[in-house]
Amino acid sequence: AYRMTARISIPAPVPMPAWSDSEVVRLLAMSSPPASPLSLWSSPPPQIPFPPLPPILSPPSPVLSPAPPPSPIRSLSYRAAMIRLRAE
């Protein structure tokens, strides 16, 4: 049980290349709760004044979505960097 839970949270930087957009979105959703409660995701506009965020979420490029708000989600910023490096 312990190993399985560890694998779920740790493999993010490892299988990056094979991950699809939906997988990345799931990762972000799973990683956000510990960093920032539902407040960030329930009401992103007031929480995140970044204008490029909404348009970035629409197209199939979730790799950039975690980058705009690095302060509320520091754990994601690291994974986002790994995603970018492997994706590009």
N, C-alpha and C. Protein backbone atom coordinates (compact mmCIF):
# COMPACT_ATOMS: atom_id res chain seq x y z
N ALA A 1 0.85 -1.20 0.00
CA ALA A 1 0.00 0.00 0.00
C ALA A 1 0.88 1.25 0.00
N TYR A 2 1.92 1.24 0.83
CA TYR A 2 2.79 2.41 0.91
C TYR A 2 3.51 2.66 -0.42
N ARG A 3 4.02 1.58 -0.98
CA ARG A 3 4.76 1.73 -2.24
C ARG A 3 3.87 2.23 -3.37
N MET A 4 2.64 1.73 -3.40
CA MET A 4 1.72 2.14 -4.47
C MET A 4 1.40 3.63 -4.36
N THR A 5 1.14 4.12 -3.15
CA THR A 5 0.84 5.54 -2.99
C THR A 5 2.05 6.38 -3.36
N ALA A 6 3.23 5.89 -3.00
CA ALA A 6 4.46 6.62 -3.33
C ALA A 6 4.62 6.70 -4.84
N ARG A 7 4.33 5.60 -5.51
CA ARG A 7 4.47 5.58 -6.97
C ARG A 7 3.51 6.56 -7.63
N ILE A 8 2.33 6.69 -7.05
CA ILE A 8 1.31 7.58 -7.65
C ILE A 8 1.78 9.03 -7.61
N SER A 9 2.43 9.44 -6.53
CA SER A 9 2.82 10.85 -6.39
C SER A 9 4.21 11.13 -6.96
N ILE A 10 5.07 10.13 -7.00
CA ILE A 10 6.46 10.34 -7.44
C ILE A 10 6.69 10.19 -8.95
N PRO A 11 5.96 9.32 -9.65
CA PRO A 11 6.28 9.05 -11.06
C PRO A 11 6.07 10.24 -11.99
N ALA A 12 5.52 11.34 -11.47
CA ALA A 12 5.25 12.51 -12.31
C ALA A 12 6.43 12.85 -13.23
N PRO A 13 7.63 13.10 -12.68
CA PRO A 13 8.76 13.49 -13.55
C PRO A 13 9.30 12.34 -14.40
N VAL A 14 8.97 11.12 -14.07
CA VAL A 14 9.53 9.98 -14.81
C VAL A 14 8.81 9.69 -16.13
N PRO A 15 7.51 9.34 -16.10
CA PRO A 15 6.80 8.98 -17.34
C PRO A 15 6.27 10.17 -18.12
N MET A 16 6.80 11.36 -17.82
CA MET A 16 6.33 12.59 -18.49
C MET A 16 6.09 12.42 -20.00
N PRO A 17 7.07 11.96 -20.76
CA PRO A 17 6.94 11.93 -22.23
C PRO A 17 5.70 11.18 -22.70
N ALA A 18 5.30 10.15 -21.98
CA ALA A 18 4.19 9.32 -22.42
C ALA A 18 2.85 9.85 -21.93
N TRP A 19 2.88 10.85 -21.07
CA TRP A 19 1.63 11.35 -20.49
C TRP A 19 0.84 12.16 -21.51
N SER A 20 -0.47 12.00 -21.48
CA SER A 20 -1.35 12.76 -22.37
C SER A 20 -1.85 14.00 -21.63
N ASP A 21 -2.54 14.87 -22.36
CA ASP A 21 -3.05 16.10 -21.75
C ASP A 21 -3.94 15.79 -20.55
N SER A 22 -4.82 14.81 -20.72
CA SER A 22 -5.74 14.47 -19.63
C SER A 22 -4.96 13.99 -18.41
N GLU A 23 -3.90 13.25 -18.64
CA GLU A 23 -3.08 12.75 -17.52
C GLU A 23 -2.45 13.92 -16.77
N VAL A 24 -1.94 14.88 -17.51
CA VAL A 24 -1.32 16.06 -16.89
C VAL A 24 -2.35 16.81 -16.07
N VAL A 25 -3.55 16.97 -16.64
CA VAL A 25 -4.62 17.67 -15.93
C VAL A 25 -4.93 16.94 -14.62
N ARG A 26 -4.98 15.62 -14.68
CA ARG A 26 -5.25 14.84 -13.46
C ARG A 26 -4.14 15.07 -12.44
N LEU A 27 -2.92 15.11 -12.92
CA LEU A 27 -1.78 15.34 -12.04
C LEU A 27 -1.94 16.68 -11.34
N LEU A 28 -2.26 17.71 -12.12
CA LEU A 28 -2.42 19.05 -11.55
C LEU A 28 -3.54 19.05 -10.52
N ALA A 29 -4.63 18.37 -10.84
CA ALA A 29 -5.77 18.33 -9.92
C ALA A 29 -5.38 17.62 -8.62
N MET A 30 -4.59 16.55 -8.75
CA MET A 30 -4.18 15.79 -7.57
C MET A 30 -3.11 16.51 -6.76
N SER A 31 -2.30 17.32 -7.43
CA SER A 31 -1.20 18.00 -6.76
C SER A 31 -1.62 19.32 -6.13
N SER A 32 -2.72 19.90 -6.60
CA SER A 32 -3.13 21.21 -6.10
C SER A 32 -3.68 21.18 -4.67
N PRO A 33 -4.50 20.18 -4.31
CA PRO A 33 -5.08 20.18 -2.96
C PRO A 33 -4.07 20.42 -1.85
N PRO A 34 -2.94 19.69 -1.80
CA PRO A 34 -1.97 19.92 -0.72
C PRO A 34 -1.36 21.30 -0.76
N ALA A 35 -1.08 21.82 -1.95
CA ALA A 35 -0.45 23.13 -2.08
C ALA A 35 -1.45 24.24 -1.81
N SER A 36 -2.65 24.10 -2.36
CA SER A 36 -3.68 25.12 -2.18
C SER A 36 -5.05 24.46 -2.24
N PRO A 37 -5.87 24.62 -1.21
CA PRO A 37 -7.21 23.99 -1.16
C PRO A 37 -8.09 24.36 -2.34
N LEU A 38 -9.36 23.97 -2.27
CA LEU A 38 -10.30 24.20 -3.38
C LEU A 38 -10.40 25.68 -3.75
N SER A 39 -9.98 26.57 -2.88
CA SER A 39 -10.10 28.00 -3.15
C SER A 39 -9.46 28.37 -4.49
N LEU A 40 -8.32 27.76 -4.78
CA LEU A 40 -7.62 28.09 -6.03
C LEU A 40 -8.40 27.61 -7.24
N TRP A 41 -8.92 26.37 -7.17
CA TRP A 41 -9.58 25.78 -8.34
C TRP A 41 -11.06 26.15 -8.43
N SER A 42 -11.70 26.41 -7.28
CA SER A 42 -13.12 26.76 -7.31
C SER A 42 -13.32 28.16 -7.88
N SER A 43 -12.35 29.06 -7.62
CA SER A 43 -12.48 30.42 -8.14
C SER A 43 -11.12 30.92 -8.64
N PRO A 44 -10.63 30.40 -9.77
CA PRO A 44 -9.33 30.77 -10.31
C PRO A 44 -9.22 32.23 -10.77
N PRO A 45 -10.27 32.85 -11.36
CA PRO A 45 -10.14 34.23 -11.86
C PRO A 45 -9.64 35.20 -10.79
N PRO A 46 -10.31 35.29 -9.62
CA PRO A 46 -9.86 36.24 -8.59
C PRO A 46 -8.52 35.83 -7.98
N GLN A 47 -8.30 34.53 -7.88
CA GLN A 47 -7.07 34.04 -7.28
C GLN A 47 -5.87 34.25 -8.20
N ILE A 48 -6.10 34.12 -9.52
CA ILE A 48 -5.02 34.25 -10.49
C ILE A 48 -5.33 35.35 -11.50
N PRO A 49 -4.72 36.52 -11.36
CA PRO A 49 -4.96 37.65 -12.28
C PRO A 49 -4.23 37.52 -13.60
N PHE A 50 -3.57 36.40 -13.83
CA PHE A 50 -2.83 36.23 -15.08
C PHE A 50 -3.79 36.08 -16.26
N PRO A 51 -3.74 37.00 -17.23
CA PRO A 51 -4.63 36.92 -18.40
C PRO A 51 -4.35 35.74 -19.32
N PRO A 52 -3.10 35.29 -19.44
CA PRO A 52 -2.81 34.19 -20.37
C PRO A 52 -3.31 32.84 -19.86
N LEU A 53 -3.72 32.76 -18.60
CA LEU A 53 -4.14 31.48 -18.04
C LEU A 53 -5.39 30.90 -18.71
N PRO A 54 -6.51 31.67 -18.79
CA PRO A 54 -7.72 31.12 -19.43
C PRO A 54 -7.48 30.60 -20.84
N PRO A 55 -6.87 31.39 -21.74
CA PRO A 55 -6.64 30.91 -23.11
C PRO A 55 -5.73 29.69 -23.16
N ILE A 56 -4.80 29.59 -22.23
CA ILE A 56 -3.86 28.47 -22.23
C ILE A 56 -4.57 27.17 -21.82
N LEU A 57 -5.58 27.29 -20.96
CA LEU A 57 -6.29 26.10 -20.50
C LEU A 57 -7.16 25.52 -21.60
N SER A 58 -7.63 26.36 -22.52
CA SER A 58 -8.51 25.89 -23.58
C SER A 58 -7.79 24.99 -24.58
N PRO A 59 -6.70 25.44 -25.20
CA PRO A 59 -5.99 24.61 -26.19
C PRO A 59 -5.35 23.40 -25.52
N PRO A 60 -4.94 22.40 -26.30
CA PRO A 60 -4.33 21.18 -25.74
C PRO A 60 -2.89 21.39 -25.31
N SER A 61 -2.66 22.34 -24.40
CA SER A 61 -1.29 22.57 -23.93
C SER A 61 -1.30 22.84 -22.43
N PRO A 62 -1.74 21.84 -21.62
CA PRO A 62 -1.79 22.01 -20.17
C PRO A 62 -0.41 22.15 -19.55
N VAL A 63 0.62 21.94 -20.37
CA VAL A 63 1.99 22.06 -19.88
C VAL A 63 2.26 23.47 -19.40
N LEU A 64 1.64 24.47 -20.05
CA LEU A 64 1.89 25.86 -19.69
C LEU A 64 0.97 26.34 -18.57
N SER A 65 -0.16 25.67 -18.37
CA SER A 65 -1.14 26.14 -17.39
C SER A 65 -0.56 26.23 -15.96
N PRO A 66 0.23 25.25 -15.49
CA PRO A 66 0.75 25.35 -14.13
C PRO A 66 1.83 26.41 -13.98
N ALA A 67 2.39 26.90 -15.06
CA ALA A 67 3.47 27.88 -14.99
C ALA A 67 3.00 29.26 -14.53
N PRO A 68 1.89 29.80 -15.04
CA PRO A 68 1.44 31.13 -14.64
C PRO A 68 1.35 31.33 -13.13
N PRO A 69 0.69 30.42 -12.39
CA PRO A 69 0.60 30.61 -10.94
C PRO A 69 1.63 29.78 -10.18
N PRO A 70 2.90 30.19 -10.18
CA PRO A 70 3.94 29.40 -9.51
C PRO A 70 3.94 29.60 -8.00
N SER A 71 3.50 30.78 -7.53
CA SER A 71 3.52 31.05 -6.10
C SER A 71 2.51 30.20 -5.32
N PRO A 72 1.24 30.11 -5.76
CA PRO A 72 0.28 29.29 -5.02
C PRO A 72 0.57 27.80 -5.16
N ILE A 73 1.21 27.42 -6.25
CA ILE A 73 1.48 25.99 -6.47
C ILE A 73 2.97 25.79 -6.75
N ARG A 74 3.78 25.77 -5.72
CA ARG A 74 5.23 25.62 -5.92
C ARG A 74 5.57 24.19 -6.34
N SER A 75 4.86 23.23 -5.78
CA SER A 75 5.13 21.83 -6.13
C SER A 75 4.85 21.60 -7.62
N LEU A 76 3.83 22.28 -8.15
CA LEU A 76 3.49 22.12 -9.56
C LEU A 76 4.53 22.80 -10.44
N SER A 77 5.08 23.92 -9.96
CA SER A 77 6.06 24.64 -10.77
C SER A 77 7.25 23.72 -11.09
N TYR A 78 7.65 22.90 -10.13
CA TYR A 78 8.75 21.96 -10.37
C TYR A 78 8.35 20.94 -11.42
N ARG A 79 7.16 20.35 -11.25
CA ARG A 79 6.69 19.36 -12.21
C ARG A 79 6.46 20.00 -13.57
N ALA A 80 5.98 21.23 -13.55
CA ALA A 80 5.75 21.94 -14.82
C ALA A 80 7.07 22.09 -15.56
N ALA A 81 8.13 22.42 -14.83
CA ALA A 81 9.44 22.57 -15.46
C ALA A 81 9.88 21.23 -16.07
N MET A 82 9.67 20.16 -15.33
CA MET A 82 10.03 18.83 -15.83
C MET A 82 9.21 18.49 -17.07
N ILE A 83 7.91 18.83 -17.02
CA ILE A 83 7.03 18.56 -18.17
C ILE A 83 7.53 19.31 -19.39
N ARG A 84 7.87 20.59 -19.20
CA ARG A 84 8.34 21.40 -20.32
C ARG A 84 9.63 20.81 -20.90
N LEU A 85 10.57 20.48 -20.04
CA LEU A 85 11.85 19.96 -20.51
C LEU A 85 11.66 18.68 -21.32
N ARG A 86 10.82 17.79 -20.81
CA ARG A 86 10.63 16.51 -21.51
C ARG A 86 9.73 16.67 -22.74
N ALA A 87 8.73 17.55 -22.62
CA ALA A 87 7.79 17.74 -23.74
C ALA A 87 8.51 18.39 -24.92
N GLU A 88 9.33 19.40 -24.63
CA GLU A 88 10.03 20.11 -25.70
C GLU A 88 11.28 19.32 -26.11
